[in-house]
PDB file of N, CA and C in Angstrom:
ATOM      1  N   MET A   1       4.525-141.521  93.847  1.00  0.00           N
ATOM      2  CA  MET A   1       4.460-142.522  94.886  1.00  0.00           C
ATOM      3  C   MET A   1       3.216-143.392  94.760  1.00  0.00           C
ATOM      4  N   ARG A   2       2.405-143.177  93.761  1.00  0.00           N
ATOM      5  CA  ARG A   2       1.171-143.950  93.643  1.00  0.00           C
ATOM      6  C   ARG A   2       1.430-145.401  93.260  1.00  0.00           C
ATOM      7  N   TYR A   3       2.628-145.696  92.757  1.00  0.00           N
ATOM      8  CA  TYR A   3       2.952-147.077  92.390  1.00  0.00           C
ATOM      9  C   TYR A   3       3.658-147.808  93.525  1.00  0.00           C
ATOM     10  N   ASN A   4       3.737-147.216  94.678  1.00  0.00           N
ATOM     11  CA  ASN A   4       4.417-147.820  95.815  1.00  0.00           C
ATOM     12  C   ASN A   4       3.453-148.714  96.586  1.00  0.00           C
ATOM     13  N   THR A   5       3.006-149.779  95.916  1.00  0.00           N
ATOM     14  CA  THR A   5       2.103-150.731  96.565  1.00  0.00           C
ATOM     15  C   THR A   5       2.669-152.141  96.413  1.00  0.00           C
ATOM     16  N   PHE A   6       2.323-152.974  97.361  1.00  0.00           N
ATOM     17  CA  PHE A   6       2.758-154.361  97.345  1.00  0.00           C
ATOM     18  C   PHE A   6       2.229-155.077  96.107  1.00  0.00           C
ATOM     19  N   GLY A   7       0.989-154.786  95.708  1.00  0.00           N
ATOM     20  CA  GLY A   7       0.374-155.444  94.555  1.00  0.00           C
ATOM     21  C   GLY A   7       1.086-155.140  93.249  1.00  0.00           C
ATOM     22  N   ILE A   8       1.487-153.890  93.060  1.00  0.00           N
ATOM     23  CA  ILE A   8       2.229-153.513  91.847  1.00  0.00           C
ATOM     24  C   ILE A   8       3.552-154.280  91.796  1.00  0.00           C
ATOM     25  N   GLY A   9       4.236-154.341  92.927  1.00  0.00           N
ATOM     26  CA  GLY A   9       5.488-155.086  92.975  1.00  0.00           C
ATOM     27  C   GLY A   9       5.285-156.562  92.709  1.00  0.00           C
ATOM     28  N   LEU A  10       4.221-157.124  93.272  1.00  0.00           N
ATOM     29  CA  LEU A  10       3.913-158.536  93.059  1.00  0.00           C
ATOM     30  C   LEU A  10       3.636-158.815  91.579  1.00  0.00           C
ATOM     31  N   LEU A  11       2.860-157.949  90.964  1.00  0.00           N
ATOM     32  CA  LEU A  11       2.541-158.108  89.546  1.00  0.00           C
ATOM     33  C   LEU A  11       3.790-157.982  88.676  1.00  0.00           C
ATOM     34  N   LEU A  12       4.601-156.964  88.924  1.00  0.00           N
ATOM     35  CA  LEU A  12       5.828-156.801  88.145  1.00  0.00           C
ATOM     36  C   LEU A  12       6.807-157.939  88.394  1.00  0.00           C
ATOM     37  N   GLY A  13       6.894-158.376  89.646  1.00  0.00           N
ATOM     38  CA  GLY A  13       7.798-159.478  89.968  1.00  0.00           C
ATOM     39  C   GLY A  13       7.417-160.775  89.287  1.00  0.00           C
ATOM     40  N   ALA A  14       6.136-160.944  89.003  1.00  0.00           N
ATOM     41  CA  ALA A  14       5.686-162.149  88.316  1.00  0.00           C
ATOM     42  C   ALA A  14       5.795-162.028  86.795  1.00  0.00           C
ATOM     43  N   LEU A  15       5.568-160.824  86.255  1.00  0.00           N
ATOM     44  CA  LEU A  15       5.531-160.650  84.799  1.00  0.00           C
ATOM     45  C   LEU A  15       6.887-160.380  84.155  1.00  0.00           C
ATOM     46  N   VAL A  16       7.756-159.658  84.835  1.00  0.00           N
ATOM     47  CA  VAL A  16       9.041-159.287  84.234  1.00  0.00           C
ATOM     48  C   VAL A  16       9.873-160.521  83.857  1.00  0.00           C
ATOM     49  N   PRO A  17       9.989-161.553  84.701  1.00  0.00           N
ATOM     50  CA  PRO A  17      10.747-162.732  84.261  1.00  0.00           C
ATOM     51  C   PRO A  17      10.118-163.457  83.068  1.00  0.00           C
ATOM     52  N   VAL A  18       8.806-163.458  82.971  1.00  0.00           N
ATOM     53  CA  VAL A  18       8.161-164.098  81.826  1.00  0.00           C
ATOM     54  C   VAL A  18       8.504-163.339  80.549  1.00  0.00           C
ATOM     55  N   LEU A  19       8.402-162.027  80.604  1.00  0.00           N
ATOM     56  CA  LEU A  19       8.768-161.218  79.440  1.00  0.00           C
ATOM     57  C   LEU A  19      10.259-161.327  79.138  1.00  0.00           C
ATOM     58  N   GLY A  20      11.080-161.380  80.181  1.00  0.00           N
ATOM     59  CA  GLY A  20      12.515-161.559  79.996  1.00  0.00           C
ATOM     60  C   GLY A  20      12.840-162.896  79.356  1.00  0.00           C
ATOM     61  N   TYR A  21      12.120-163.936  79.748  1.00  0.00           N
ATOM     62  CA  TYR A  21      12.332-165.258  79.152  1.00  0.00           C
ATOM     63  C   TYR A  21      12.006-165.236  77.657  1.00  0.00           C
ATOM     64  N   ILE A  22      10.910-164.597  77.313  1.00  0.00           N
ATOM     65  CA  ILE A  22      10.528-164.513  75.900  1.00  0.00           C
ATOM     66  C   ILE A  22      11.582-163.739  75.113  1.00  0.00           C
ATOM     67  N   LEU A  23      12.021-162.617  75.655  1.00  0.00           N
ATOM     68  CA  LEU A  23      13.003-161.771  74.965  1.00  0.00           C
ATOM     69  C   LEU A  23      14.361-162.463  74.858  1.00  0.00           C
ATOM     70  N   ILE A  24      14.874-162.975  75.957  1.00  0.00           N
ATOM     71  CA  ILE A  24      16.197-163.598  75.946  1.00  0.00           C
ATOM     72  C   ILE A  24      16.182-164.891  75.136  1.00  0.00           C
ATOM     73  N   GLY A  25      15.116-165.677  75.259  1.00  0.00           N
ATOM     74  CA  GLY A  25      14.999-166.894  74.451  1.00  0.00           C
ATOM     75  C   GLY A  25      14.955-166.575  72.966  1.00  0.00           C
ATOM     76  N   GLY A  26      14.247-165.502  72.613  1.00  0.00           N
ATOM     77  CA  GLY A  26      14.201-165.077  71.214  1.00  0.00           C
ATOM     78  C   GLY A  26      15.557-164.640  70.698  1.00  0.00           C
ATOM     79  N   ILE A  27      16.315-163.947  71.536  1.00  0.00           N
ATOM     80  CA  ILE A  27      17.660-163.514  71.136  1.00  0.00           C
ATOM     81  C   ILE A  27      18.565-164.729  70.926  1.00  0.00           C
ATOM     82  N   PHE A  28      18.519-165.693  71.857  1.00  0.00           N
ATOM     83  CA  PHE A  28      19.322-166.906  71.694  1.00  0.00           C
ATOM     84  C   PHE A  28      18.926-167.657  70.434  1.00  0.00           C
ATOM     85  N   ASP A  29      17.634-167.778  70.152  1.00  0.00           N
ATOM     86  CA  ASP A  29      17.180-168.469  68.944  1.00  0.00           C
ATOM     87  C   ASP A  29      17.627-167.735  67.682  1.00  0.00           C
ATOM     88  N   LEU A  30      17.519-166.420  67.700  1.00  0.00           N
ATOM     89  CA  LEU A  30      17.952-165.631  66.546  1.00  0.00           C
ATOM     90  C   LEU A  30      19.453-165.791  66.304  1.00  0.00           C
ATOM     91  N   LEU A  31      20.233-165.761  67.371  1.00  0.00           N
ATOM     92  CA  LEU A  31      21.677-165.946  67.214  1.00  0.00           C
ATOM     93  C   LEU A  31      22.016-167.352  66.736  1.00  0.00           C
ATOM     94  N   SER A  32      21.253-168.338  67.129  1.00  0.00           N
ATOM     95  CA  SER A  32      21.478-169.708  66.652  1.00  0.00           C
ATOM     96  C   SER A  32      21.120-169.842  65.177  1.00  0.00           C
ATOM     97  N   GLN A  33      20.029-169.204  64.767  1.00  0.00           N
ATOM     98  CA  GLN A  33      19.600-169.290  63.376  1.00  0.00           C
ATOM     99  C   GLN A  33      20.565-168.574  62.434  1.00  0.00           C
ATOM    100  N   THR A  34      21.167-167.486  62.904  1.00  0.00           N
ATOM    101  CA  THR A  34      22.095-166.747  62.048  1.00  0.00           C
ATOM    102  C   THR A  34      23.489-167.350  62.062  1.00  0.00           C
ATOM    103  N   GLY A  35      23.734-168.316  62.932  1.00  0.00           N
ATOM    104  CA  GLY A  35      25.020-168.988  62.966  1.00  0.00           C
ATOM    105  C   GLY A  35      26.028-168.345  63.898  1.00  0.00           C
ATOM    106  N   VAL A  36      25.639-167.338  64.630  1.00  0.00           N
ATOM    107  CA  VAL A  36      26.557-166.698  65.572  1.00  0.00           C
ATOM    108  C   VAL A  36      26.850-167.641  66.736  1.00  0.00           C
ATOM    109  N   LEU A  37      25.818-168.332  67.204  1.00  0.00           N
ATOM    110  CA  LEU A  37      25.967-169.339  68.254  1.00  0.00           C
ATOM    111  C   LEU A  37      25.752-170.711  67.656  1.00  0.00           C
ATOM    112  N   ASP A  38      26.413-171.693  68.230  1.00  0.00           N
ATOM    113  CA  ASP A  38      26.183-173.068  67.801  1.00  0.00           C
ATOM    114  C   ASP A  38      24.785-173.491  68.211  1.00  0.00           C
ATOM    115  N   SER A  39      24.204-174.374  67.426  1.00  0.00           N
ATOM    116  CA  SER A  39      22.894-174.910  67.790  1.00  0.00           C
ATOM    117  C   SER A  39      23.058-175.789  69.015  1.00  0.00           C
ATOM    118  N   ALA A  40      22.294-175.507  70.019  1.00  0.00           N
ATOM    119  CA  ALA A  40      22.360-176.271  71.266  1.00  0.00           C
ATOM    120  C   ALA A  40      21.169-177.208  71.333  1.00  0.00           C
ATOM    121  N   PRO A  41      21.334-178.312  72.030  1.00  0.00           N
ATOM    122  CA  PRO A  41      20.181-179.196  72.188  1.00  0.00           C
ATOM    123  C   PRO A  41      19.073-178.482  72.943  1.00  0.00           C
ATOM    124  N   SER A  42      17.859-178.707  72.514  1.00  0.00           N
ATOM    125  CA  SER A  42      16.734-178.055  73.181  1.00  0.00           C
ATOM    126  C   SER A  42      16.183-178.971  74.250  1.00  0.00           C
ATOM    127  N   GLY A  43      15.306-178.447  75.046  1.00  0.00           N
ATOM    128  CA  GLY A  43      14.709-179.215  76.119  1.00  0.00           C
ATOM    129  C   GLY A  43      14.937-178.513  77.441  1.00  0.00           C
ATOM    130  N   LEU A  44      14.186-178.923  78.430  1.00  0.00           N
ATOM    131  CA  LEU A  44      14.226-178.246  79.717  1.00  0.00           C
ATOM    132  C   LEU A  44      15.564-178.400  80.424  1.00  0.00           C
ATOM    133  N   HIS A  45      16.230-179.524  80.256  1.00  0.00           N
ATOM    134  CA  HIS A  45      17.456-179.757  81.015  1.00  0.00           C
ATOM    135  C   HIS A  45      18.715-179.448  80.224  1.00  0.00           C
ATOM    136  N   SER A  46      18.614-178.645  79.195  1.00  0.00           N
ATOM    137  CA  SER A  46      19.816-178.249  78.476  1.00  0.00           C
ATOM    138  C   SER A  46      20.455-177.063  79.195  1.00  0.00           C
ATOM    139  N   ARG A  47      21.728-176.908  78.978  1.00  0.00           N
ATOM    140  CA  ARG A  47      22.472-175.816  79.620  1.00  0.00           C
ATOM    141  C   ARG A  47      21.947-174.464  79.173  1.00  0.00           C
ATOM    142  N   ARG A  48      21.618-174.344  77.899  1.00  0.00           N
ATOM    143  CA  ARG A  48      21.121-173.067  77.391  1.00  0.00           C
ATOM    144  C   ARG A  48      19.781-172.696  78.020  1.00  0.00           C
ATOM    145  N   GLU A  49      18.900-173.651  78.138  1.00  0.00           N
ATOM    146  CA  GLU A  49      17.582-173.384  78.730  1.00  0.00           C
ATOM    147  C   GLU A  49      17.722-172.984  80.194  1.00  0.00           C
ATOM    148  N   ARG A  50      18.605-173.660  80.902  1.00  0.00           N
ATOM    149  CA  ARG A  50      18.840-173.326  82.305  1.00  0.00           C
ATOM    150  C   ARG A  50      19.373-171.897  82.435  1.00  0.00           C
ATOM    151  N   THR A  51      20.250-171.506  81.529  1.00  0.00           N
ATOM    152  CA  THR A  51      20.823-170.165  81.554  1.00  0.00           C
ATOM    153  C   THR A  51      19.786-169.115  81.198  1.00  0.00           C
ATOM    154  N   VAL A  52      18.965-169.379  80.200  1.00  0.00           N
ATOM    155  CA  VAL A  52      17.930-168.418  79.793  1.00  0.00           C
ATOM    156  C   VAL A  52      16.946-168.196  80.937  1.00  0.00           C
ATOM    157  N   ILE A  53      16.555-169.260  81.617  1.00  0.00           N
ATOM    158  CA  ILE A  53      15.620-169.122  82.733  1.00  0.00           C
ATOM    159  C   ILE A  53      16.269-168.319  83.859  1.00  0.00           C
ATOM    160  N   LEU A  54      17.536-168.556  84.142  1.00  0.00           N
ATOM    161  CA  LEU A  54      18.218-167.811  85.193  1.00  0.00           C
ATOM    162  C   LEU A  54      18.338-166.333  84.835  1.00  0.00           C
ATOM    163  N   PHE A  55      18.675-166.026  83.593  1.00  0.00           N
ATOM    164  CA  PHE A  55      18.727-164.623  83.152  1.00  0.00           C
ATOM    165  C   PHE A  55      17.352-163.971  83.250  1.00  0.00           C
ATOM    166  N   ALA A  56      16.315-164.715  82.926  1.00  0.00           N
ATOM    167  CA  ALA A  56      14.953-164.167  83.015  1.00  0.00           C
ATOM    168  C   ALA A  56      14.606-163.820  84.460  1.00  0.00           C
ATOM    169  N   ILE A  57      14.990-164.680  85.391  1.00  0.00           N
ATOM    170  CA  ILE A  57      14.743-164.376  86.799  1.00  0.00           C
ATOM    171  C   ILE A  57      15.530-163.136  87.214  1.00  0.00           C
ATOM    172  N   CYS A  58      16.739-163.014  86.721  1.00  0.00           N
ATOM    173  CA  CYS A  58      17.577-161.860  87.059  1.00  0.00           C
ATOM    174  C   CYS A  58      17.041-160.554  86.459  1.00  0.00           C
ATOM    175  N   CYS A  59      16.147-160.634  85.502  1.00  0.00           N
ATOM    176  CA  CYS A  59      15.524-159.419  84.956  1.00  0.00           C
ATOM    177  C   CYS A  59      14.750-158.654  86.030  1.00  0.00           C
ATOM    178  N   ASN A  60      14.381-159.320  87.117  1.00  0.00           N
ATOM    179  CA  ASN A  60      13.700-158.632  88.212  1.00  0.00           C
ATOM    180  C   ASN A  60      14.605-157.627  88.911  1.00  0.00           C
ATOM    181  N   LEU A  61      15.898-157.698  88.676  1.00  0.00           N
ATOM    182  CA  LEU A  61      16.804-156.726  89.271  1.00  0.00           C
ATOM    183  C   LEU A  61      16.588-155.326  88.707  1.00  0.00           C
ATOM    184  N   ILE A  62      16.097-155.239  87.476  1.00  0.00           N
ATOM    185  CA  ILE A  62      15.888-153.928  86.852  1.00  0.00           C
ATOM    186  C   ILE A  62      14.790-153.144  87.564  1.00  0.00           C
ATOM    187  N   PRO A  63      13.557-153.677  87.689  1.00  0.00           N
ATOM    188  CA  PRO A  63      12.552-152.893  88.414  1.00  0.00           C
ATOM    189  C   PRO A  63      12.883-152.767  89.906  1.00  0.00           C
ATOM    190  N   LEU A  64      13.563-153.759  90.468  1.00  0.00           N
ATOM    191  CA  LEU A  64      13.947-153.672  91.875  1.00  0.00           C
ATOM    192  C   LEU A  64      14.882-152.494  92.104  1.00  0.00           C
ATOM    193  N   ASN A  65      15.832-152.298  91.206  1.00  0.00           N
ATOM    194  CA  ASN A  65      16.766-151.181  91.325  1.00  0.00           C
ATOM    195  C   ASN A  65      16.065-149.841  91.101  1.00  0.00           C
ATOM    196  N   ILE A  66      15.123-149.799  90.164  1.00  0.00           N
ATOM    197  CA  ILE A  66      14.362-148.562  89.923  1.00  0.00           C
ATOM    198  C   ILE A  66      13.562-148.192  91.163  1.00  0.00           C
ATOM    199  N   PHE A  67      12.892-149.179  91.742  1.00  0.00           N
ATOM    200  CA  PHE A  67      12.112-148.908  92.955  1.00  0.00           C
ATOM    201  C   PHE A  67      13.009-148.539  94.134  1.00  0.00           C
ATOM    202  N   ARG A  68      14.208-149.111  94.184  1.00  0.00           N
ATOM    203  CA  ARG A  68      15.132-148.769  95.263  1.00  0.00           C
ATOM    204  C   ARG A  68      15.574-147.314  95.166  1.00  0.00           C
ATOM    205  N   ARG A  69      15.888-146.868  93.949  1.00  0.00           N
ATOM    206  CA  ARG A  69      16.302-145.476  93.770  1.00  0.00           C
ATOM    207  C   ARG A  69      15.182-144.498  94.103  1.00  0.00           C
ATOM    208  N   ARG A  70      13.953-144.904  93.845  1.00  0.00           N
ATOM    209  CA  ARG A  70      12.805-144.029  94.138  1.00  0.00           C
ATOM    210  C   ARG A  70      12.252-144.250  95.543  1.00  0.00           C
ATOM    211  N   ARG A  71      12.894-145.100  96.303  1.00  0.00           N
ATOM    212  CA  ARG A  71      12.514-145.406  97.688  1.00  0.00           C
ATOM    213  C   ARG A  71      11.075-145.925  97.799  1.00  0.00           C
ATOM    214  N   MET A  72      10.725-146.809  96.912  1.00  0.00           N
ATOM    215  CA  MET A  72       9.402-147.437  96.915  1.00  0.00           C
ATOM    216  C   MET A  72       9.519-148.810  97.579  1.00  0.00           C
ATOM    217  N   ASP A  73       9.553-148.805  98.887  1.00  0.00           N
ATOM    218  CA  ASP A  73       9.813-150.017  99.655  1.00  0.00           C
ATOM    219  C   ASP A  73       8.718-151.064  99.522  1.00  0.00           C
ATOM    220  N   ASN A  74       7.469-150.663  99.470  1.00  0.00           N
ATOM    221  CA  ASN A  74       6.378-151.634  99.354  1.00  0.00           C
ATOM    222  C   ASN A  74       6.426-152.375  98.029  1.00  0.00           C
ATOM    223  N   SER A  75       6.740-151.663  96.958  1.00  0.00           N
ATOM    224  CA  SER A  75       6.865-152.310  95.651  1.00  0.00           C
ATOM    225  C   SER A  75       8.053-153.256  95.628  1.00  0.00           C
ATOM    226  N   MET A  76       9.133-152.863  96.290  1.00  0.00           N
ATOM    227  CA  MET A  76      10.301-153.743  96.370  1.00  0.00           C
ATOM    228  C   MET A  76       9.951-155.037  97.099  1.00  0.00           C
ATOM    229  N   ARG A  77       9.195-154.936  98.157  1.00  0.00           N
ATOM    230  CA  ARG A  77       8.773-156.135  98.889  1.00  0.00           C
ATOM    231  C   ARG A  77       7.918-157.045  98.006  1.00  0.00           C
ATOM    232  N   GLY A  78       7.084-156.437  97.183  1.00  0.00           N
ATOM    233  CA  GLY A  78       6.257-157.218  96.281  1.00  0.00           C
ATOM    234  C   GLY A  78       7.059-157.945  95.223  1.00  0.00           C
ATOM    235  N   ILE A  79       8.136-157.352  94.758  1.00  0.00           N
ATOM    236  CA  ILE A  79       8.971-157.986  93.737  1.00  0.00           C
ATOM    237  C   ILE A  79       9.728-159.181  94.317  1.00  0.00           C
ATOM    238  N   VAL A  80      10.116-159.084  95.566  1.00  0.00           N
ATOM    239  CA  VAL A  80      10.940-160.132  96.168  1.00  0.00           C
ATOM    240  C   VAL A  80      10.186-161.461  96.277  1.00  0.00           C
ATOM    241  N   ILE A  81       8.890-161.426  96.555  1.00  0.00           N
ATOM    242  CA  ILE A  81       8.125-162.672  96.752  1.00  0.00           C
ATOM    243  C   ILE A  81       8.132-163.555  95.498  1.00  0.00           C
ATOM    244  N   PRO A  82       7.696-163.058  94.322  1.00  0.00           N
ATOM    245  CA  PRO A  82       7.736-163.941  93.146  1.00  0.00           C
ATOM    246  C   PRO A  82       9.157-164.306  92.726  1.00  0.00           C
ATOM    247  N   THR A  83      10.116-163.423  92.995  1.00  0.00           N
ATOM    248  CA  THR A  83      11.499-163.744  92.657  1.00  0.00           C
ATOM    249  C   THR A  83      11.970-164.949  93.456  1.00  0.00           C
ATOM    250  N   MET A  84      11.655-164.972  94.734  1.00  0.00           N
ATOM    251  CA  MET A  84      12.048-166.117  95.564  1.00  0.00           C
ATOM    252  C   MET A  84      11.322-167.398  95.132  1.00  0.00           C
ATOM    253  N   VAL A  85      10.071-167.261  94.708  1.00  0.00           N
ATOM    254  CA  VAL A  85       9.331-168.430  94.210  1.00  0.00           C
ATOM    255  C   VAL A  85       9.982-168.956  92.933  1.00  0.00           C
ATOM    256  N   TYR A  86      10.342-168.048  92.020  1.00  0.00           N
ATOM    257  CA  TYR A  86      11.005-168.462  90.780  1.00  0.00           C
ATOM    258  C   TYR A  86      12.363-169.096  91.060  1.00  0.00           C
ATOM    259  N   VAL A  87      13.132-168.523  91.977  1.00  0.00           N
ATOM    260  CA  VAL A  87      14.436-169.092  92.319  1.00  0.00           C
ATOM    261  C   VAL A  87      14.263-170.472  92.944  1.00  0.00           C
ATOM    262  N   GLY A  88      13.293-170.617  93.844  1.00  0.00           N
ATOM    263  CA  GLY A  88      13.033-171.923  94.443  1.00  0.00           C
ATOM    264  C   GLY A  88      12.633-172.958  93.405  1.00  0.00           C
ATOM    265  N   ALA A  89      11.787-172.566  92.461  1.00  0.00           N
ATOM    266  CA  ALA A  89      11.386-173.486  91.397  1.00  0.00           C
ATOM    267  C   ALA A  89      12.572-173.841  90.514  1.00  0.00           C
ATOM    268  N   TRP A  90      13.415-172.858  90.205  1.00  0.00           N
ATOM    269  CA  TRP A  90      14.604-173.100  89.381  1.00  0.00           C
ATOM    270  C   TRP A  90      15.534-174.094  90.078  1.00  0.00           C
ATOM    271  N   LEU A  91      15.756-173.884  91.372  1.00  0.00           N
ATOM    272  CA  LEU A  91      16.610-174.807  92.122  1.00  0.00           C
ATOM    273  C   LEU A  91      16.003-176.199  92.186  1.00  0.00           C
ATOM    274  N   TYR A  92      14.697-176.283  92.377  1.00  0.00           N
ATOM    275  CA  TYR A  92      14.036-177.590  92.448  1.00  0.00           C
ATOM    276  C   TYR A  92      14.139-178.327  91.111  1.00  0.00           C
ATOM    277  N   ILE A  93      13.870-177.632  90.027  1.00  0.00           N
ATOM    278  CA  ILE A  93      13.872-178.266  88.706  1.00  0.00           C
ATOM    279  C   ILE A  93      15.274-178.720  88.306  1.00  0.00           C
ATOM    280  N   PHE A  94      16.279-177.894  88.581  1.00  0.00           N
ATOM    281  CA  PHE A  94      17.631-178.198  88.131  1.00  0.00           C
ATOM    282  C   PHE A  94      18.543-178.707  89.245  1.00  0.00           C
ATOM    283  N   SER A  95      17.974-179.108  90.379  1.00  0.00           N
ATOM    284  CA  SER A  95      18.811-179.555  91.499  1.00  0.00           C
ATOM    285  C   SER A  95      19.612-180.809  91.163  1.00  0.00           C
ATOM    286  N   ASP A  96      19.019-181.731  90.408  1.00  0.00           N
ATOM    287  CA  ASP A  96      19.764-182.940  90.065  1.00  0.00           C
ATOM    288  C   ASP A  96      20.975-182.631  89.210  1.00  0.00           C
ATOM    289  N   ILE A  97      20.884-181.667  88.329  1.00  0.00           N
ATOM    290  CA  ILE A  97      22.013-181.281  87.474  1.00  0.00           C
ATOM    291  C   ILE A  97      23.029-180.466  88.270  1.00  0.00           C
ATOM    292  N   LEU A  98      22.541-179.565  89.113  1.00  0.00           N
ATOM    293  CA  LEU A  98      23.443-178.663  89.826  1.00  0.00           C
ATOM    294  C   LEU A  98      24.196-179.338  90.961  1.00  0.00           C
ATOM    295  N   PHE A  99      23.551-180.221  91.694  1.00  0.00           N
ATOM    296  CA  PHE A  99      24.150-180.750  92.907  1.00  0.00           C
ATOM    297  C   PHE A  99      24.654-182.179  92.793  1.00  0.00           C
ATOM    298  N   ASN A 100      24.399-182.861  91.712  1.00  0.00           N
ATOM    299  CA  ASN A 100      24.870-184.244  91.552  1.00  0.00           C
ATOM    300  C   ASN A 100      26.005-184.371  90.539  1.00  0.00           C
ATOM    301  N   SER A 101      26.626-183.265  90.184  1.00  0.00           N
ATOM    302  CA  SER A 101      27.709-183.332  89.197  1.00  0.00           C
ATOM    303  C   SER A 101      29.015-183.693  89.847  1.00  0.00           C
TER     304      SER A 101
END
C-alpha cells in the first residue's frame, strides 16, 4: 500500500502516455518500413498521428486497472487528472478535424 499516493498516480498518469506514444509510434514506423502498413502522410493532423496519440492516452487504462484491482484509490485519482488533461488537449488540437467533417 506504500504506492497508494496521489503523487505516484499523478506521475504515472503523466509518464505512461508519453512512453506509450514512443512505443506505439515506433511500432507503426517499423510496420511502415517493413511494408506491412502503407506509408501514411506524417504530421500532426494525419489520421495515423491522431490514432497513435489516442492509443497512447488509452495506455493509462493499464495502471488504472492495476490500481483498481489493488484498491489503491488515491493513485487512481492521481492518474485521472493527467488523463483528463491529455484528453482535453487531444480534443482541442483535433477538434477542427473531428467536429467539422
